[in-house]
Amino acid sequence: LLENELADLHGKEAALLFTSGYVSNWAALST
């Protein structure tokens, strides 16, 4: 439900949750 809400917030198709903003940056850019 939260990922759908976040996708809608930014006008995107999808969203993905992480445990912190630090981790989301680290994980996404490293991948």
PDB file of all heavy atoms in Angstrom:
ATOM      1  N   LEU A   1       0.829  -1.204   0.000  1.00  0.00           N
ATOM      2  CA  LEU A   1       0.000   0.000   0.000  1.00  0.00           C
ATOM      3  C   LEU A   1       0.865   1.256   0.000  1.00  0.00           C
ATOM      4  O   LEU A   1       0.577   2.230  -0.705  1.00  0.00           O
ATOM      5  CB  LEU A   1      -0.926  -0.001   1.219  1.00  0.00           C
ATOM      6  CG  LEU A   1      -2.048  -1.040   1.246  1.00  0.00           C
ATOM      7  CD1 LEU A   1      -2.788  -0.978   2.576  1.00  0.00           C
ATOM      8  CD2 LEU A   1      -3.012  -0.826   0.080  1.00  0.00           C
ATOM      9  N   LEU A   2       1.936   1.230   0.801  1.00  0.00           N
ATOM     10  CA  LEU A   2       2.835   2.382   0.864  1.00  0.00           C
ATOM     11  C   LEU A   2       3.588   2.568  -0.447  1.00  0.00           C
ATOM     12  O   LEU A   2       3.733   3.695  -0.937  1.00  0.00           O
ATOM     13  CB  LEU A   2       3.812   2.219   2.023  1.00  0.00           C
ATOM     14  CG  LEU A   2       4.900   3.293   2.159  1.00  0.00           C
ATOM     15  CD1 LEU A   2       4.297   4.694   2.239  1.00  0.00           C
ATOM     16  CD2 LEU A   2       5.765   3.014   3.387  1.00  0.00           C
ATOM     17  N   GLU A   3       4.064   1.486  -1.036  1.00  0.00           N
ATOM     18  CA  GLU A   3       4.778   1.602  -2.314  1.00  0.00           C
ATOM     19  C   GLU A   3       3.864   2.166  -3.401  1.00  0.00           C
ATOM     20  O   GLU A   3       4.300   2.992  -4.227  1.00  0.00           O
ATOM     21  CB  GLU A   3       5.354   0.246  -2.709  1.00  0.00           C
ATOM     22  CG  GLU A   3       6.565  -0.133  -1.865  1.00  0.00           C
ATOM     23  CD  GLU A   3       7.081  -1.540  -2.107  1.00  0.00           C
ATOM     24  OE1 GLU A   3       6.337  -2.373  -2.665  1.00  0.00           O
ATOM     25  OE2 GLU A   3       8.240  -1.810  -1.715  1.00  0.00           O
ATOM     26  N   ASN A   4       2.607   1.768  -3.417  1.00  0.00           N
ATOM     27  CA  ASN A   4       1.659   2.344  -4.379  1.00  0.00           C
ATOM     28  C   ASN A   4       1.478   3.837  -4.140  1.00  0.00           C
ATOM     29  O   ASN A   4       1.384   4.631  -5.087  1.00  0.00           O
ATOM     30  CB  ASN A   4       0.308   1.631  -4.282  1.00  0.00           C
ATOM     31  CG  ASN A   4       0.350   0.215  -4.815  1.00  0.00           C
ATOM     32  OD1 ASN A   4       1.217  -0.133  -5.615  1.00  0.00           O
ATOM     33  ND2 ASN A   4      -0.574  -0.627  -4.368  1.00  0.00           N
ATOM     34  N   GLU A   5       1.426   4.227  -2.877  1.00  0.00           N
ATOM     35  CA  GLU A   5       1.249   5.638  -2.523  1.00  0.00           C
ATOM     36  C   GLU A   5       2.455   6.461  -2.962  1.00  0.00           C
ATOM     37  O   GLU A   5       2.325   7.600  -3.444  1.00  0.00           O
ATOM     38  CB  GLU A   5       1.055   5.765  -1.010  1.00  0.00           C
ATOM     39  CG  GLU A   5       0.261   6.979  -0.568  1.00  0.00           C
ATOM     40  CD  GLU A   5      -1.195   6.918  -1.018  1.00  0.00           C
ATOM     41  OE1 GLU A   5      -1.899   5.950  -0.685  1.00  0.00           O
ATOM     42  OE2 GLU A   5      -1.610   7.874  -1.719  1.00  0.00           O
ATOM     43  N   LEU A   6       3.648   5.896  -2.798  1.00  0.00           N
ATOM     44  CA  LEU A   6       4.875   6.590  -3.185  1.00  0.00           C
ATOM     45  C   LEU A   6       4.993   6.706  -4.706  1.00  0.00           C
ATOM     46  O   LEU A   6       5.413   7.745  -5.227  1.00  0.00           O
ATOM     47  CB  LEU A   6       6.088   5.851  -2.618  1.00  0.00           C
ATOM     48  CG  LEU A   6       6.272   5.966  -1.107  1.00  0.00           C
ATOM     49  CD1 LEU A   6       7.241   4.914  -0.592  1.00  0.00           C
ATOM     50  CD2 LEU A   6       6.741   7.371  -0.729  1.00  0.00           C
ATOM     51  N   ALA A   7       4.627   5.660  -5.413  1.00  0.00           N
ATOM     52  CA  ALA A   7       4.643   5.724  -6.878  1.00  0.00           C
ATOM     53  C   ALA A   7       3.709   6.824  -7.362  1.00  0.00           C
ATOM     54  O   ALA A   7       4.053   7.612  -8.257  1.00  0.00           O
ATOM     55  CB  ALA A   7       4.247   4.371  -7.464  1.00  0.00           C
ATOM     56  N   ASP A   8       2.530   6.903  -6.761  1.00  0.00           N
ATOM     57  CA  ASP A   8       1.575   7.943  -7.122  1.00  0.00           C
ATOM     58  C   ASP A   8       2.110   9.329  -6.777  1.00  0.00           C
ATOM     59  O   ASP A   8       1.935  10.281  -7.555  1.00  0.00           O
ATOM     60  CB  ASP A   8       0.256   7.705  -6.392  1.00  0.00           C
ATOM     61  CG  ASP A   8      -0.741   8.820  -6.622  1.00  0.00           C
ATOM     62  OD1 ASP A   8      -1.349   8.860  -7.706  1.00  0.00           O
ATOM     63  OD2 ASP A   8      -0.893   9.688  -5.726  1.00  0.00           O
ATOM     64  N   LEU A   9       2.779   9.457  -5.643  1.00  0.00           N
ATOM     65  CA  LEU A   9       3.322  10.754  -5.227  1.00  0.00           C
ATOM     66  C   LEU A   9       4.256  11.325  -6.282  1.00  0.00           C
ATOM     67  O   LEU A   9       4.247  12.532  -6.552  1.00  0.00           O
ATOM     68  CB  LEU A   9       4.074  10.599  -3.896  1.00  0.00           C
ATOM     69  CG  LEU A   9       4.798  11.836  -3.364  1.00  0.00           C
ATOM     70  CD1 LEU A   9       3.802  12.926  -2.980  1.00  0.00           C
ATOM     71  CD2 LEU A   9       5.676  11.471  -2.170  1.00  0.00           C
ATOM     72  N   HIS A  10       5.055  10.459  -6.895  1.00  0.00           N
ATOM     73  CA  HIS A  10       6.057  10.929  -7.856  1.00  0.00           C
ATOM     74  C   HIS A  10       5.660  10.684  -9.310  1.00  0.00           C
ATOM     75  O   HIS A  10       6.477  10.919 -10.216  1.00  0.00           O
ATOM     76  CB  HIS A  10       7.401  10.262  -7.560  1.00  0.00           C
ATOM     77  CG  HIS A  10       7.995  10.677  -6.250  1.00  0.00           C
ATOM     78  ND1 HIS A  10       8.475  11.948  -6.023  1.00  0.00           N
ATOM     79  CD2 HIS A  10       8.162  10.001  -5.083  1.00  0.00           C
ATOM     80  CE1 HIS A  10       8.937  12.033  -4.778  1.00  0.00           C
ATOM     81  NE2 HIS A  10       8.747  10.877  -4.189  1.00  0.00           N
ATOM     82  N   GLY A  11       4.423  10.222  -9.532  1.00  0.00           N
ATOM     83  CA  GLY A  11       3.968  10.014 -10.892  1.00  0.00           C
ATOM     84  C   GLY A  11       4.721   8.913 -11.615  1.00  0.00           C
ATOM     85  O   GLY A  11       4.939   8.991 -12.832  1.00  0.00           O
ATOM     86  N   LYS A  12       5.125   7.875 -10.876  1.00  0.00           N
ATOM     87  CA  LYS A  12       5.892   6.775 -11.456  1.00  0.00           C
ATOM     88  C   LYS A  12       5.072   5.481 -11.458  1.00  0.00           C
ATOM     89  O   LYS A  12       4.062   5.363 -10.772  1.00  0.00           O
ATOM     90  CB  LYS A  12       7.189   6.555 -10.658  1.00  0.00           C
ATOM     91  CG  LYS A  12       8.123   7.761 -10.647  1.00  0.00           C
ATOM     92  CD  LYS A  12       8.605   8.118 -12.033  1.00  0.00           C
ATOM     93  CE  LYS A  12       9.626   9.242 -12.000  1.00  0.00           C
ATOM     94  NZ  LYS A  12      10.016   9.674 -13.381  1.00  0.00           N
ATOM     95  N   GLU A  13       5.553   4.499 -12.200  1.00  0.00           N
ATOM     96  CA  GLU A  13       4.854   3.219 -12.275  1.00  0.00           C
ATOM     97  C   GLU A  13       4.987   2.411 -10.998  1.00  0.00           C
ATOM     98  O   GLU A  13       4.084   1.644 -10.638  1.00  0.00           O
ATOM     99  CB  GLU A  13       5.414   2.392 -13.436  1.00  0.00           C
ATOM    100  CG  GLU A  13       5.095   2.945 -14.808  1.00  0.00           C
ATOM    101  CD  GLU A  13       5.714   2.114 -15.917  1.00  0.00           C
ATOM    102  OE1 GLU A  13       6.552   1.215 -15.630  1.00  0.00           O
ATOM    103  OE2 GLU A  13       5.367   2.351 -17.094  1.00  0.00           O
ATOM    104  N   ALA A  14       6.127   2.552 -10.320  1.00  0.00           N
ATOM    105  CA  ALA A  14       6.392   1.669  -9.178  1.00  0.00           C
ATOM    106  C   ALA A  14       7.284   2.367  -8.166  1.00  0.00           C
ATOM    107  O   ALA A  14       7.893   3.410  -8.445  1.00  0.00           O
ATOM    108  CB  ALA A  14       7.040   0.374  -9.653  1.00  0.00           C
ATOM    109  N   ALA A  15       7.352   1.771  -6.981  1.00  0.00           N
ATOM    110  CA  ALA A  15       8.241   2.235  -5.914  1.00  0.00           C
ATOM    111  C   ALA A  15       8.759   1.022  -5.163  1.00  0.00           C
ATOM    112  O   ALA A  15       8.176  -0.069  -5.223  1.00  0.00           O
ATOM    113  CB  ALA A  15       7.510   3.177  -4.962  1.00  0.00           C
ATOM    114  N   LEU A  16       9.853   1.213  -4.447  1.00  0.00           N
ATOM    115  CA  LEU A  16      10.457   0.134  -3.674  1.00  0.00           C
ATOM    116  C   LEU A  16      10.948   0.695  -2.348  1.00  0.00           C
ATOM    117  O   LEU A  16      11.668   1.703  -2.316  1.00  0.00           O
ATOM    118  CB  LEU A  16      11.624  -0.476  -4.453  1.00  0.00           C
ATOM    119  CG  LEU A  16      12.168  -1.817  -3.963  1.00  0.00           C
ATOM    120  CD1 LEU A  16      11.123  -2.920  -4.111  1.00  0.00           C
ATOM    121  CD2 LEU A  16      13.448  -2.181  -4.727  1.00  0.00           C
ATOM    122  N   LEU A  17      10.559   0.031  -1.256  1.00  0.00           N
ATOM    123  CA  LEU A  17      10.917   0.483   0.092  1.00  0.00           C
ATOM    124  C   LEU A  17      12.265  -0.057   0.541  1.00  0.00           C
ATOM    125  O   LEU A  17      12.645  -1.181   0.213  1.00  0.00           O
ATOM    126  CB  LEU A  17       9.866   0.001   1.102  1.00  0.00           C
ATOM    127  CG  LEU A  17       8.531   0.728   1.158  1.00  0.00           C
ATOM    128  CD1 LEU A  17       7.605  -0.002   2.118  1.00  0.00           C
ATOM    129  CD2 LEU A  17       8.733   2.171   1.604  1.00  0.00           C
ATOM    130  N   PHE A  18      12.947   0.756   1.352  1.00  0.00           N
ATOM    131  CA  PHE A  18      14.187   0.343   2.000  1.00  0.00           C
ATOM    132  C   PHE A  18      14.119   0.750   3.470  1.00  0.00           C
ATOM    133  O   PHE A  18      13.232   1.484   3.887  1.00  0.00           O
ATOM    134  CB  PHE A  18      15.399   1.003   1.328  1.00  0.00           C
ATOM    135  CG  PHE A  18      15.662   0.514  -0.072  1.00  0.00           C
ATOM    136  CD1 PHE A  18      14.989   1.072  -1.148  1.00  0.00           C
ATOM    137  CD2 PHE A  18      16.575  -0.496  -0.305  1.00  0.00           C
ATOM    138  CE1 PHE A  18      15.228   0.628  -2.437  1.00  0.00           C
ATOM    139  CE2 PHE A  18      16.820  -0.945  -1.589  1.00  0.00           C
ATOM    140  CZ  PHE A  18      16.141  -0.383  -2.661  1.00  0.00           C
ATOM    141  N   THR A  19      15.091   0.293   4.241  1.00  0.00           N
ATOM    142  CA  THR A  19      15.068   0.558   5.679  1.00  0.00           C
ATOM    143  C   THR A  19      15.475   1.977   6.046  1.00  0.00           C
ATOM    144  O   THR A  19      15.208   2.429   7.158  1.00  0.00           O
ATOM    145  CB  THR A  19      15.974  -0.440   6.424  1.00  0.00           C
ATOM    146  OG1 THR A  19      17.277  -0.439   5.807  1.00  0.00           O
ATOM    147  CG2 THR A  19      15.397  -1.847   6.359  1.00  0.00           C
ATOM    148  N   SER A  20      16.129   2.692   5.142  1.00  0.00           N
ATOM    149  CA  SER A  20      16.479   4.098   5.376  1.00  0.00           C
ATOM    150  C   SER A  20      16.810   4.756   4.051  1.00  0.00           C
ATOM    151  O   SER A  20      17.026   4.073   3.039  1.00  0.00           O
ATOM    152  CB  SER A  20      17.686   4.218   6.324  1.00  0.00           C
ATOM    153  OG  SER A  20      18.886   3.857   5.655  1.00  0.00           O
ATOM    154  N   GLY A  21      16.873   6.082   4.057  1.00  0.00           N
ATOM    155  CA  GLY A  21      17.279   6.803   2.859  1.00  0.00           C
ATOM    156  C   GLY A  21      18.728   6.529   2.505  1.00  0.00           C
ATOM    157  O   GLY A  21      19.091   6.496   1.324  1.00  0.00           O
ATOM    158  N   TYR A  22      19.563   6.338   3.509  1.00  0.00           N
ATOM    159  CA  TYR A  22      20.964   5.985   3.249  1.00  0.00           C
ATOM    160  C   TYR A  22      21.030   4.665   2.481  1.00  0.00           C
ATOM    161  O   TYR A  22      21.729   4.549   1.470  1.00  0.00           O
ATOM    162  CB  TYR A  22      21.731   5.872   4.567  1.00  0.00           C
ATOM    163  CG  TYR A  22      23.225   5.729   4.404  1.00  0.00           C
ATOM    164  CD1 TYR A  22      24.072   6.804   4.626  1.00  0.00           C
ATOM    165  CD2 TYR A  22      23.800   4.516   4.011  1.00  0.00           C
ATOM    166  CE1 TYR A  22      25.452   6.680   4.479  1.00  0.00           C
ATOM    167  CE2 TYR A  22      25.162   4.382   3.845  1.00  0.00           C
ATOM    168  CZ  TYR A  22      25.989   5.461   4.086  1.00  0.00           C
ATOM    169  OH  TYR A  22      27.353   5.337   3.916  1.00  0.00           O
ATOM    170  N   VAL A  23      20.278   3.683   2.958  1.00  0.00           N
ATOM    171  CA  VAL A  23      20.314   2.359   2.330  1.00  0.00           C
ATOM    172  C   VAL A  23      19.727   2.401   0.921  1.00  0.00           C
ATOM    173  O   VAL A  23      20.244   1.744   0.005  1.00  0.00           O
ATOM    174  CB  VAL A  23      19.571   1.328   3.199  1.00  0.00           C
ATOM    175  CG1 VAL A  23      19.450  -0.012   2.484  1.00  0.00           C
ATOM    176  CG2 VAL A  23      20.297   1.143   4.527  1.00  0.00           C
ATOM    177  N   SER A  24      18.669   3.183   0.726  1.00  0.00           N
ATOM    178  CA  SER A  24      18.077   3.225  -0.613  1.00  0.00           C
ATOM    179  C   SER A  24      19.051   3.825  -1.630  1.00  0.00           C
ATOM    180  O   SER A  24      19.162   3.324  -2.759  1.00  0.00           O
ATOM    181  CB  SER A  24      16.749   3.995  -0.608  1.00  0.00           C
ATOM    182  OG  SER A  24      16.885   5.277  -0.057  1.00  0.00           O
ATOM    183  N   ASN A  25      19.786   4.857  -1.260  1.00  0.00           N
ATOM    184  CA  ASN A  25      20.803   5.412  -2.152  1.00  0.00           C
ATOM    185  C   ASN A  25      21.936   4.421  -2.376  1.00  0.00           C
ATOM    186  O   ASN A  25      22.359   4.176  -3.515  1.00  0.00           O
ATOM    187  CB  ASN A  25      21.377   6.702  -1.567  1.00  0.00           C
ATOM    188  CG  ASN A  25      20.685   7.940  -2.084  1.00  0.00           C
ATOM    189  OD1 ASN A  25      20.127   7.958  -3.185  1.00  0.00           O
ATOM    190  ND2 ASN A  25      20.715   9.012  -1.313  1.00  0.00           N
ATOM    191  N   TRP A  26      22.450   3.885  -1.280  1.00  0.00           N
ATOM    192  CA  TRP A  26      23.579   2.956  -1.373  1.00  0.00           C
ATOM    193  C   TRP A  26      23.216   1.740  -2.230  1.00  0.00           C
ATOM    194  O   TRP A  26      23.972   1.336  -3.115  1.00  0.00           O
ATOM    195  CB  TRP A  26      23.990   2.513   0.036  1.00  0.00           C
ATOM    196  CG  TRP A  26      25.101   1.520   0.057  1.00  0.00           C
ATOM    197  CD1 TRP A  26      26.437   1.784   0.037  1.00  0.00           C
ATOM    198  CD2 TRP A  26      24.973   0.093   0.074  1.00  0.00           C
ATOM    199  NE1 TRP A  26      27.162   0.605   0.060  1.00  0.00           N
ATOM    200  CE2 TRP A  26      26.286  -0.445   0.076  1.00  0.00           C
ATOM    201  CE3 TRP A  26      23.884  -0.785   0.098  1.00  0.00           C
ATOM    202  CZ2 TRP A  26      26.527  -1.821   0.097  1.00  0.00           C
ATOM    203  CZ3 TRP A  26      24.122  -2.149   0.115  1.00  0.00           C
ATOM    204  CH2 TRP A  26      25.421  -2.654   0.119  1.00  0.00           C
ATOM    205  N   ALA A  27      22.046   1.156  -1.962  1.00  0.00           N
ATOM    206  CA  ALA A  27      21.650  -0.063  -2.662  1.00  0.00           C
ATOM    207  C   ALA A  27      21.354   0.203  -4.135  1.00  0.00           C
ATOM    208  O   ALA A  27      21.784  -0.560  -5.015  1.00  0.00           O
ATOM    209  CB  ALA A  27      20.429  -0.684  -1.984  1.00  0.00           C
ATOM    210  N   ALA A  28      20.623   1.271  -4.417  1.00  0.00           N
ATOM    211  CA  ALA A  28      20.233   1.538  -5.805  1.00  0.00           C
ATOM    212  C   ALA A  28      21.439   1.891  -6.670  1.00  0.00           C
ATOM    213  O   ALA A  28      21.617   1.345  -7.769  1.00  0.00           O
ATOM    214  CB  ALA A  28      19.196   2.651  -5.846  1.00  0.00           C
ATOM    215  N   LEU A  29      22.281   2.803  -6.185  1.00  0.00           N
ATOM    216  CA  LEU A  29      23.424   3.227  -7.001  1.00  0.00           C
ATOM    217  C   LEU A  29      24.464   2.118  -7.140  1.00  0.00           C
ATOM    218  O   LEU A  29      25.049   1.949  -8.217  1.00  0.00           O
ATOM    219  CB  LEU A  29      24.055   4.477  -6.395  1.00  0.00           C
ATOM    220  CG  LEU A  29      23.296   5.780  -6.678  1.00  0.00           C
ATOM    221  CD1 LEU A  29      23.787   6.906  -5.781  1.00  0.00           C
ATOM    222  CD2 LEU A  29      23.421   6.176  -8.149  1.00  0.00           C
ATOM    223  N   SER A  30      24.691   1.363  -6.070  1.00  0.00           N
ATOM    224  CA  SER A  30      25.670   0.279  -6.179  1.00  0.00           C
ATOM    225  C   SER A  30      25.175  -0.802  -7.144  1.00  0.00           C
ATOM    226  O   SER A  30      25.966  -1.384  -7.900  1.00  0.00           O
ATOM    227  CB  SER A  30      25.967  -0.325  -4.805  1.00  0.00           C
ATOM    228  OG  SER A  30      24.822  -0.932  -4.246  1.00  0.00           O
ATOM    229  N   THR A  31      23.872  -1.051  -7.149  1.00  0.00           N
ATOM    230  CA  THR A  31      23.318  -2.068  -8.048  1.00  0.00           C
ATOM    231  C   THR A  31      23.350  -1.597  -9.495  1.00  0.00           C
ATOM    232  O   THR A  31      23.770  -2.335 -10.396  1.00  0.00           O
ATOM    233  CB  THR A  31      21.876  -2.414  -7.628  1.00  0.00           C
ATOM    234  OG1 THR A  31      21.883  -2.883  -6.283  1.00  0.00           O
ATOM    235  CG2 THR A  31      21.289  -3.471  -8.543  1.00  0.00           C
TER     236      THR A  31
END
